[in-house]
All heavy atoms as atom14 arrays in JSON, in Angstrom:
{
  "sequence": "MIAWQMFGNGETPESTHTKGDHFVGDYYVKFNNEYKRQTEELK",
  "atom14_mask": [
    [1, 1, 1, 1, 1, 1, 1, 1, 0, 0, 0, 0, 0, 0],
    [1, 1, 1, 1, 1, 1, 1, 1, 0, 0, 0, 0, 0, 0],
    [1, 1, 1, 1, 1, 0, 0, 0, 0, 0, 0, 0, 0, 0],
    [1, 1, 1, 1, 1, 1, 1, 1, 1, 1, 1, 1, 1, 1],
    [1, 1, 1, 1, 1, 1, 1, 1, 1, 0, 0, 0, 0, 0],
    [1, 1, 1, 1, 1, 1, 1, 1, 0, 0, 0, 0, 0, 0],
    [1, 1, 1, 1, 1, 1, 1, 1, 1, 1, 1, 0, 0, 0],
    [1, 1, 1, 1, 0, 0, 0, 0, 0, 0, 0, 0, 0, 0],
    [1, 1, 1, 1, 1, 1, 1, 1, 0, 0, 0, 0, 0, 0],
    [1, 1, 1, 1, 0, 0, 0, 0, 0, 0, 0, 0, 0, 0],
    [1, 1, 1, 1, 1, 1, 1, 1, 1, 0, 0, 0, 0, 0],
    [1, 1, 1, 1, 1, 1, 1, 0, 0, 0, 0, 0, 0, 0],
    [1, 1, 1, 1, 1, 1, 1, 0, 0, 0, 0, 0, 0, 0],
    [1, 1, 1, 1, 1, 1, 1, 1, 1, 0, 0, 0, 0, 0],
    [1, 1, 1, 1, 1, 1, 0, 0, 0, 0, 0, 0, 0, 0],
    [1, 1, 1, 1, 1, 1, 1, 0, 0, 0, 0, 0, 0, 0],
    [1, 1, 1, 1, 1, 1, 1, 1, 1, 1, 0, 0, 0, 0],
    [1, 1, 1, 1, 1, 1, 1, 0, 0, 0, 0, 0, 0, 0],
    [1, 1, 1, 1, 1, 1, 1, 1, 1, 0, 0, 0, 0, 0],
    [1, 1, 1, 1, 0, 0, 0, 0, 0, 0, 0, 0, 0, 0],
    [1, 1, 1, 1, 1, 1, 1, 1, 0, 0, 0, 0, 0, 0],
    [1, 1, 1, 1, 1, 1, 1, 1, 1, 1, 0, 0, 0, 0],
    [1, 1, 1, 1, 1, 1, 1, 1, 1, 1, 1, 0, 0, 0],
    [1, 1, 1, 1, 1, 1, 1, 0, 0, 0, 0, 0, 0, 0],
    [1, 1, 1, 1, 0, 0, 0, 0, 0, 0, 0, 0, 0, 0],
    [1, 1, 1, 1, 1, 1, 1, 1, 0, 0, 0, 0, 0, 0],
    [1, 1, 1, 1, 1, 1, 1, 1, 1, 1, 1, 1, 0, 0],
    [1, 1, 1, 1, 1, 1, 1, 1, 1, 1, 1, 1, 0, 0],
    [1, 1, 1, 1, 1, 1, 1, 0, 0, 0, 0, 0, 0, 0],
    [1, 1, 1, 1, 1, 1, 1, 1, 1, 0, 0, 0, 0, 0],
    [1, 1, 1, 1, 1, 1, 1, 1, 1, 1, 1, 0, 0, 0],
    [1, 1, 1, 1, 1, 1, 1, 1, 0, 0, 0, 0, 0, 0],
    [1, 1, 1, 1, 1, 1, 1, 1, 0, 0, 0, 0, 0, 0],
    [1, 1, 1, 1, 1, 1, 1, 1, 1, 0, 0, 0, 0, 0],
    [1, 1, 1, 1, 1, 1, 1, 1, 1, 1, 1, 1, 0, 0],
    [1, 1, 1, 1, 1, 1, 1, 1, 1, 0, 0, 0, 0, 0],
    [1, 1, 1, 1, 1, 1, 1, 1, 1, 1, 1, 0, 0, 0],
    [1, 1, 1, 1, 1, 1, 1, 1, 1, 0, 0, 0, 0, 0],
    [1, 1, 1, 1, 1, 1, 1, 0, 0, 0, 0, 0, 0, 0],
    [1, 1, 1, 1, 1, 1, 1, 1, 1, 0, 0, 0, 0, 0],
    [1, 1, 1, 1, 1, 1, 1, 1, 1, 0, 0, 0, 0, 0],
    [1, 1, 1, 1, 1, 1, 1, 1, 0, 0, 0, 0, 0, 0],
    [1, 1, 1, 1, 1, 1, 1, 1, 1, 0, 0, 0, 0, 0]
  ],
  "atom14_positions": [
    [[28.22, -10.5, 30.23], [27.96, -10.58, 28.79], [29.09, -11.34, 28.08], [28.83, -12.23, 27.25], [27.8, -9.18, 28.21], [26.53, -8.46, 28.69], [26.56, -6.67, 28.39], [26.59, -6.61, 26.6], [0.0, 0.0, 0.0], [0.0, 0.0, 0.0], [0.0, 0.0, 0.0], [0.0, 0.0, 0.0], [0.0, 0.0, 0.0], [0.0, 0.0, 0.0]],
    [[30.33, -11.01, 28.41], [31.49, -11.69, 27.8], [31.48, -13.17, 28.15], [31.72, -14.04, 27.29], [32.81, -11.02, 28.26], [33.03, -9.7, 27.52], [34.0, -11.95, 28.08], [33.38, -9.84, 26.05], [0.0, 0.0, 0.0], [0.0, 0.0, 0.0], [0.0, 0.0, 0.0], [0.0, 0.0, 0.0], [0.0, 0.0, 0.0], [0.0, 0.0, 0.0]],
    [[31.2, -13.47, 29.43], [31.19, -14.88, 29.85], [30.11, -15.66, 29.11], [30.32, -16.82, 28.72], [30.97, -14.97, 31.36], [0.0, 0.0, 0.0], [0.0, 0.0, 0.0], [0.0, 0.0, 0.0], [0.0, 0.0, 0.0], [0.0, 0.0, 0.0], [0.0, 0.0, 0.0], [0.0, 0.0, 0.0], [0.0, 0.0, 0.0], [0.0, 0.0, 0.0]],
    [[28.95, -15.03, 28.9], [27.88, -15.74, 28.16], [28.31, -15.99, 26.72], [28.06, -17.07, 26.17], [26.59, -14.9, 28.19], [25.43, -15.62, 27.55], [24.64, -16.59, 28.09], [24.95, -15.44, 26.2], [23.7, -17.02, 27.19], [23.87, -16.33, 26.01], [25.34, -14.61, 25.14], [23.16, -16.41, 24.83], [24.62, -14.69, 23.96], [23.56, -15.58, 23.8]],
    [[28.98, -15.01, 26.09], [29.48, -15.21, 24.72], [30.5, -16.36, 24.66], [30.52, -17.13, 23.71], [30.14, -13.93, 24.2], [29.14, -12.84, 23.82], [29.83, -11.61, 23.24], [30.98, -11.3, 23.58], [29.14, -10.9, 22.37], [0.0, 0.0, 0.0], [0.0, 0.0, 0.0], [0.0, 0.0, 0.0], [0.0, 0.0, 0.0], [0.0, 0.0, 0.0]],
    [[31.33, -16.46, 25.72], [32.38, -17.47, 25.73], [31.86, -18.87, 26.05], [32.28, -19.85, 25.44], [33.46, -17.1, 26.77], [34.29, -15.88, 26.4], [35.45, -15.42, 27.73], [36.59, -16.81, 27.66], [0.0, 0.0, 0.0], [0.0, 0.0, 0.0], [0.0, 0.0, 0.0], [0.0, 0.0, 0.0], [0.0, 0.0, 0.0], [0.0, 0.0, 0.0]],
    [[30.92, -18.94, 27.01], [30.53, -20.25, 27.54], [29.05, -20.61, 27.37], [28.65, -21.71, 27.68], [30.85, -20.33, 29.04], [32.27, -19.96, 29.39], [32.55, -18.84, 30.15], [33.33, -20.75, 28.95], [33.85, -18.5, 30.48], [34.64, -20.42, 29.28], [34.91, -19.29, 30.04], [0.0, 0.0, 0.0], [0.0, 0.0, 0.0], [0.0, 0.0, 0.0]],
    [[28.24, -19.64, 26.85], [26.79, -19.85, 26.87], [26.25, -20.8, 25.84], [25.21, -21.42, 26.06], [0.0, 0.0, 0.0], [0.0, 0.0, 0.0], [0.0, 0.0, 0.0], [0.0, 0.0, 0.0], [0.0, 0.0, 0.0], [0.0, 0.0, 0.0], [0.0, 0.0, 0.0], [0.0, 0.0, 0.0], [0.0, 0.0, 0.0], [0.0, 0.0, 0.0]],
    [[26.91, -20.88, 24.68], [26.42, -21.76, 23.59], [24.94, -21.51, 23.28], [24.19, -22.45, 22.99], [26.62, -23.24, 23.94], [28.09, -23.58, 24.13], [28.94, -23.18, 23.33], [28.4, -24.28, 25.22], [0.0, 0.0, 0.0], [0.0, 0.0, 0.0], [0.0, 0.0, 0.0], [0.0, 0.0, 0.0], [0.0, 0.0, 0.0], [0.0, 0.0, 0.0]],
    [[24.54, -20.23, 23.38], [23.15, -19.89, 23.03], [22.12, -20.22, 24.08], [20.92, -20.08, 23.84], [0.0, 0.0, 0.0], [0.0, 0.0, 0.0], [0.0, 0.0, 0.0], [0.0, 0.0, 0.0], [0.0, 0.0, 0.0], [0.0, 0.0, 0.0], [0.0, 0.0, 0.0], [0.0, 0.0, 0.0], [0.0, 0.0, 0.0], [0.0, 0.0, 0.0]],
    [[22.55, -20.67, 25.26], [21.58, -21.0, 26.31], [20.79, -19.77, 26.73], [21.26, -18.63, 26.64], [22.32, -21.53, 27.55], [22.86, -22.94, 27.41], [23.51, -23.41, 28.71], [23.8, -22.57, 29.59], [23.73, -24.63, 28.83], [0.0, 0.0, 0.0], [0.0, 0.0, 0.0], [0.0, 0.0, 0.0], [0.0, 0.0, 0.0], [0.0, 0.0, 0.0]],
    [[19.58, -20.03, 27.23], [18.72, -18.95, 27.76], [18.13, -19.44, 29.09], [18.17, -20.65, 29.38], [17.57, -18.62, 26.81], [16.69, -19.76, 26.73], [18.08, -18.24, 25.43], [0.0, 0.0, 0.0], [0.0, 0.0, 0.0], [0.0, 0.0, 0.0], [0.0, 0.0, 0.0], [0.0, 0.0, 0.0], [0.0, 0.0, 0.0], [0.0, 0.0, 0.0]],
    [[17.55, -18.54, 29.86], [16.87, -18.99, 31.07], [15.78, -20.03, 30.77], [15.61, -20.99, 31.52], [16.25, -17.7, 31.63], [17.16, -16.62, 31.14], [17.58, -17.06, 29.77], [0.0, 0.0, 0.0], [0.0, 0.0, 0.0], [0.0, 0.0, 0.0], [0.0, 0.0, 0.0], [0.0, 0.0, 0.0], [0.0, 0.0, 0.0], [0.0, 0.0, 0.0]],
    [[15.08, -19.81, 29.65], [14.01, -20.75, 29.29], [14.57, -22.13, 28.95], [14.06, -23.16, 29.4], [13.21, -20.21, 28.09], [12.38, -18.98, 28.39], [13.22, -17.69, 28.42], [14.38, -17.7, 27.91], [12.74, -16.69, 28.97], [0.0, 0.0, 0.0], [0.0, 0.0, 0.0], [0.0, 0.0, 0.0], [0.0, 0.0, 0.0], [0.0, 0.0, 0.0]],
    [[15.64, -22.15, 28.16], [16.17, -23.44, 27.72], [16.81, -24.23, 28.86], [16.88, -25.46, 28.81], [17.21, -23.25, 26.59], [18.4, -22.66, 27.09], [0.0, 0.0, 0.0], [0.0, 0.0, 0.0], [0.0, 0.0, 0.0], [0.0, 0.0, 0.0], [0.0, 0.0, 0.0], [0.0, 0.0, 0.0], [0.0, 0.0, 0.0], [0.0, 0.0, 0.0]],
    [[17.26, -23.51, 29.91], [17.91, -24.18, 31.05], [16.99, -24.26, 32.27], [17.4, -24.77, 33.31], [19.2, -23.44, 31.45], [18.86, -22.08, 31.75], [20.23, -23.48, 30.34], [0.0, 0.0, 0.0], [0.0, 0.0, 0.0], [0.0, 0.0, 0.0], [0.0, 0.0, 0.0], [0.0, 0.0, 0.0], [0.0, 0.0, 0.0], [0.0, 0.0, 0.0]],
    [[15.75, -23.73, 32.11], [14.78, -23.71, 33.22], [15.38, -23.03, 34.46], [15.29, -23.54, 35.58], [14.31, -25.13, 33.57], [13.77, -25.87, 32.39], [12.57, -25.55, 31.79], [14.3, -26.91, 31.66], [12.36, -26.36, 30.76], [13.4, -27.19, 30.66], [0.0, 0.0, 0.0], [0.0, 0.0, 0.0], [0.0, 0.0, 0.0], [0.0, 0.0, 0.0]],
    [[16.02, -21.89, 34.21], [16.67, -21.13, 35.29], [16.06, -19.75, 35.37], [15.76, -19.13, 34.35], [18.19, -20.98, 35.0], [18.73, -22.25, 34.68], [18.93, -20.38, 36.19], [0.0, 0.0, 0.0], [0.0, 0.0, 0.0], [0.0, 0.0, 0.0], [0.0, 0.0, 0.0], [0.0, 0.0, 0.0], [0.0, 0.0, 0.0], [0.0, 0.0, 0.0]],
    [[15.87, -19.26, 36.58], [15.37, -17.9, 36.79], [16.38, -16.91, 36.2], [17.59, -17.08, 36.35], [15.19, -17.66, 38.29], [14.38, -16.44, 38.67], [13.93, -16.56, 40.14], [13.36, -15.24, 40.65], [14.4, -14.31, 41.08], [0.0, 0.0, 0.0], [0.0, 0.0, 0.0], [0.0, 0.0, 0.0], [0.0, 0.0, 0.0], [0.0, 0.0, 0.0]],
    [[15.87, -15.88, 35.48], [16.74, -15.03, 34.67], [17.89, -14.38, 35.4], [19.02, -14.33, 34.9], [0.0, 0.0, 0.0], [0.0, 0.0, 0.0], [0.0, 0.0, 0.0], [0.0, 0.0, 0.0], [0.0, 0.0, 0.0], [0.0, 0.0, 0.0], [0.0, 0.0, 0.0], [0.0, 0.0, 0.0], [0.0, 0.0, 0.0], [0.0, 0.0, 0.0]],
    [[17.64, -13.84, 36.6], [18.71, -13.18, 37.34], [19.76, -14.18, 37.82], [20.96, -13.88, 37.88], [18.16, -12.35, 38.51], [17.2, -13.13, 39.39], [16.64, -14.14, 38.93], [16.99, -12.72, 40.55], [0.0, 0.0, 0.0], [0.0, 0.0, 0.0], [0.0, 0.0, 0.0], [0.0, 0.0, 0.0], [0.0, 0.0, 0.0], [0.0, 0.0, 0.0]],
    [[19.33, -15.38, 38.14], [20.28, -16.44, 38.53], [21.13, -16.86, 37.33], [22.34, -17.1, 37.45], [19.52, -17.67, 39.06], [18.85, -17.43, 40.37], [19.12, -18.16, 41.51], [17.91, -16.53, 40.75], [18.37, -17.73, 42.51], [17.63, -16.73, 42.06], [0.0, 0.0, 0.0], [0.0, 0.0, 0.0], [0.0, 0.0, 0.0], [0.0, 0.0, 0.0]],
    [[20.47, -16.95, 36.2], [21.15, -17.36, 34.97], [22.29, -16.4, 34.65], [23.44, -16.81, 34.44], [20.13, -17.38, 33.82], [20.68, -17.79, 32.49], [20.79, -19.14, 32.16], [21.08, -16.84, 31.57], [21.3, -19.52, 30.93], [21.6, -17.21, 30.34], [21.7, -18.56, 30.01], [0.0, 0.0, 0.0], [0.0, 0.0, 0.0], [0.0, 0.0, 0.0]],
    [[22.02, -15.1, 34.66], [23.04, -14.1, 34.36], [24.1, -14.07, 35.46], [25.3, -13.93, 35.2], [22.41, -12.71, 34.15], [23.47, -11.63, 34.0], [21.5, -12.73, 32.9], [0.0, 0.0, 0.0], [0.0, 0.0, 0.0], [0.0, 0.0, 0.0], [0.0, 0.0, 0.0], [0.0, 0.0, 0.0], [0.0, 0.0, 0.0], [0.0, 0.0, 0.0]],
    [[23.67, -14.22, 36.72], [24.6, -14.23, 37.84], [25.6, -15.37, 37.75], [26.77, -15.23, 38.14], [0.0, 0.0, 0.0], [0.0, 0.0, 0.0], [0.0, 0.0, 0.0], [0.0, 0.0, 0.0], [0.0, 0.0, 0.0], [0.0, 0.0, 0.0], [0.0, 0.0, 0.0], [0.0, 0.0, 0.0], [0.0, 0.0, 0.0], [0.0, 0.0, 0.0]],
    [[25.16, -16.5, 37.23], [26.06, -17.65, 37.07], [27.2, -17.3, 36.12], [28.35, -17.74, 36.31], [25.3, -18.87, 36.54], [24.36, -19.47, 37.59], [24.55, -19.16, 38.79], [23.45, -20.22, 37.22], [0.0, 0.0, 0.0], [0.0, 0.0, 0.0], [0.0, 0.0, 0.0], [0.0, 0.0, 0.0], [0.0, 0.0, 0.0], [0.0, 0.0, 0.0]],
    [[26.89, -16.5, 35.09], [27.94, -16.12, 34.13], [28.89, -15.09, 34.72], [30.07, -15.04, 34.34], [27.31, -15.63, 32.81], [26.84, -16.81, 31.99], [25.52, -17.23, 32.02], [27.75, -17.56, 31.25], [25.09, -18.34, 31.31], [27.34, -18.68, 30.53], [26.01, -19.07, 30.57], [25.62, -20.18, 29.87], [0.0, 0.0, 0.0], [0.0, 0.0, 0.0]],
    [[28.43, -14.3, 35.67], [29.33, -13.38, 36.37], [30.37, -14.18, 37.17], [31.56, -13.85, 37.17], [28.51, -12.49, 37.32], [29.32, -11.45, 38.06], [29.99, -10.43, 37.4], [29.41, -11.48, 39.46], [30.73, -9.47, 38.08], [30.14, -10.53, 40.16], [30.8, -9.53, 39.46], [31.52, -8.59, 40.15], [0.0, 0.0, 0.0], [0.0, 0.0, 0.0]],
    [[29.93, -15.25, 37.81], [30.86, -16.12, 38.54], [31.81, -16.81, 37.56], [33.01, -16.93, 37.8], [30.08, -17.16, 39.39], [31.03, -18.16, 40.05], [29.24, -16.45, 40.46], [0.0, 0.0, 0.0], [0.0, 0.0, 0.0], [0.0, 0.0, 0.0], [0.0, 0.0, 0.0], [0.0, 0.0, 0.0], [0.0, 0.0, 0.0], [0.0, 0.0, 0.0]],
    [[31.27, -17.26, 36.41], [32.11, -17.92, 35.4], [33.18, -16.97, 34.87], [34.31, -17.39, 34.61], [31.24, -18.44, 34.25], [30.46, -19.7, 34.61], [29.56, -20.14, 33.47], [28.73, -21.36, 33.89], [27.8, -21.79, 32.84], [0.0, 0.0, 0.0], [0.0, 0.0, 0.0], [0.0, 0.0, 0.0], [0.0, 0.0, 0.0], [0.0, 0.0, 0.0]],
    [[32.81, -15.7, 34.7], [33.8, -14.72, 34.26], [34.96, -14.68, 35.24], [36.13, -14.73, 34.85], [33.19, -13.32, 34.14], [34.23, -12.25, 33.91], [34.63, -11.91, 32.63], [34.86, -11.62, 34.98], [35.63, -10.97, 32.41], [35.86, -10.68, 34.78], [36.24, -10.35, 33.48], [0.0, 0.0, 0.0], [0.0, 0.0, 0.0], [0.0, 0.0, 0.0]],
    [[34.64, -14.54, 36.53], [35.7, -14.4, 37.53], [36.55, -15.66, 37.64], [37.76, -15.58, 37.86], [35.1, -14.02, 38.88], [34.74, -12.54, 38.93], [35.61, -11.69, 39.02], [33.45, -12.23, 38.81], [0.0, 0.0, 0.0], [0.0, 0.0, 0.0], [0.0, 0.0, 0.0], [0.0, 0.0, 0.0], [0.0, 0.0, 0.0], [0.0, 0.0, 0.0]],
    [[35.93, -16.82, 37.45], [36.71, -18.07, 37.44], [37.69, -18.09, 36.27], [38.87, -18.46, 36.41], [35.78, -19.29, 37.37], [34.98, -19.46, 38.66], [35.37, -18.96, 39.71], [33.88, -20.18, 38.57], [0.0, 0.0, 0.0], [0.0, 0.0, 0.0], [0.0, 0.0, 0.0], [0.0, 0.0, 0.0], [0.0, 0.0, 0.0], [0.0, 0.0, 0.0]],
    [[37.21, -17.67, 35.1], [38.07, -17.64, 33.92], [39.17, -16.58, 34.06], [40.32, -16.79, 33.67], [37.22, -17.36, 32.68], [38.0, -17.27, 31.36], [38.71, -18.57, 30.97], [38.38, -19.65, 31.54], [39.6, -18.54, 30.09], [0.0, 0.0, 0.0], [0.0, 0.0, 0.0], [0.0, 0.0, 0.0], [0.0, 0.0, 0.0], [0.0, 0.0, 0.0]],
    [[38.8, -15.44, 34.62], [39.77, -14.36, 34.83], [40.89, -14.82, 35.76], [42.08, -14.58, 35.5], [39.03, -13.15, 35.42], [39.88, -11.91, 35.63], [40.86, -11.52, 34.72], [39.68, -11.11, 36.75], [41.61, -10.38, 34.92], [40.43, -9.96, 36.96], [41.4, -9.61, 36.05], [42.15, -8.47, 36.25], [0.0, 0.0, 0.0], [0.0, 0.0, 0.0]],
    [[40.53, -15.52, 36.82], [41.54, -16.06, 37.75], [42.45, -17.05, 37.03], [43.67, -17.04, 37.2], [40.84, -16.78, 38.92], [40.46, -15.9, 40.08], [39.91, -16.77, 41.2], [39.41, -15.91, 42.35], [38.78, -16.73, 43.4], [0.0, 0.0, 0.0], [0.0, 0.0, 0.0], [0.0, 0.0, 0.0], [0.0, 0.0, 0.0], [0.0, 0.0, 0.0]],
    [[41.84, -17.93, 36.22], [42.62, -18.95, 35.51], [43.62, -18.29, 34.57], [44.81, -18.66, 34.54], [41.67, -19.87, 34.72], [42.35, -21.1, 34.11], [41.42, -21.83, 33.15], [41.15, -21.06, 31.93], [42.02, -20.92, 30.94], [43.23, -21.48, 30.99], [41.68, -20.21, 29.87], [0.0, 0.0, 0.0], [0.0, 0.0, 0.0], [0.0, 0.0, 0.0]],
    [[43.15, -17.29, 33.79], [44.05, -16.62, 32.85], [45.14, -15.83, 33.57], [46.3, -15.8, 33.12], [43.23, -15.68, 31.94], [42.32, -16.42, 30.97], [41.6, -15.48, 30.01], [41.87, -14.29, 29.97], [40.66, -16.03, 29.23], [0.0, 0.0, 0.0], [0.0, 0.0, 0.0], [0.0, 0.0, 0.0], [0.0, 0.0, 0.0], [0.0, 0.0, 0.0]],
    [[44.78, -15.2, 34.69], [45.77, -14.44, 35.46], [46.86, -15.37, 35.98], [48.06, -15.04, 35.91], [45.08, -13.72, 36.63], [44.06, -12.86, 36.12], [46.07, -12.88, 37.43], [0.0, 0.0, 0.0], [0.0, 0.0, 0.0], [0.0, 0.0, 0.0], [0.0, 0.0, 0.0], [0.0, 0.0, 0.0], [0.0, 0.0, 0.0], [0.0, 0.0, 0.0]],
    [[46.46, -16.52, 36.49], [47.45, -17.48, 37.01], [48.36, -17.99, 35.89], [49.56, -18.18, 36.08], [46.73, -18.66, 37.69], [46.03, -18.31, 38.99], [46.97, -17.7, 40.03], [48.1, -18.21, 40.19], [46.59, -16.69, 40.66], [0.0, 0.0, 0.0], [0.0, 0.0, 0.0], [0.0, 0.0, 0.0], [0.0, 0.0, 0.0], [0.0, 0.0, 0.0]],
    [[47.8, -18.2, 34.71], [48.6, -18.65, 33.55], [49.67, -17.61, 33.2], [50.83, -17.95, 32.95], [47.69, -18.86, 32.33], [47.18, -20.28, 32.19], [46.44, -20.46, 30.86], [46.46, -19.54, 30.01], [45.84, -21.54, 30.68], [0.0, 0.0, 0.0], [0.0, 0.0, 0.0], [0.0, 0.0, 0.0], [0.0, 0.0, 0.0], [0.0, 0.0, 0.0]],
    [[49.26, -16.35, 33.17], [50.19, -15.27, 32.84], [51.27, -15.11, 33.91], [52.44, -14.85, 33.61], [49.44, -13.95, 32.65], [48.58, -13.88, 31.37], [47.64, -12.69, 31.41], [49.48, -13.77, 30.13], [0.0, 0.0, 0.0], [0.0, 0.0, 0.0], [0.0, 0.0, 0.0], [0.0, 0.0, 0.0], [0.0, 0.0, 0.0], [0.0, 0.0, 0.0]],
    [[50.89, -15.28, 35.16], [51.87, -15.2, 36.25], [52.87, -16.35, 36.13], [54.08, -16.17, 36.35], [51.17, -15.26, 37.61], [50.55, -13.92, 38.01], [49.58, -14.05, 39.17], [50.28, -14.51, 40.44], [49.32, -14.67, 41.55], [0.0, 0.0, 0.0], [0.0, 0.0, 0.0], [0.0, 0.0, 0.0], [0.0, 0.0, 0.0], [0.0, 0.0, 0.0]]
  ]
}
């Protein structure tokens, strides 16, 4: 949910022609990528 707020720009499964569970799963991966980036910055 946080990743979609940060990076989604209002996209939906319909607007991106993506299956809904894949669409949300992509944002779970984006969260972890961003989390890693921020963690490395703080380190």
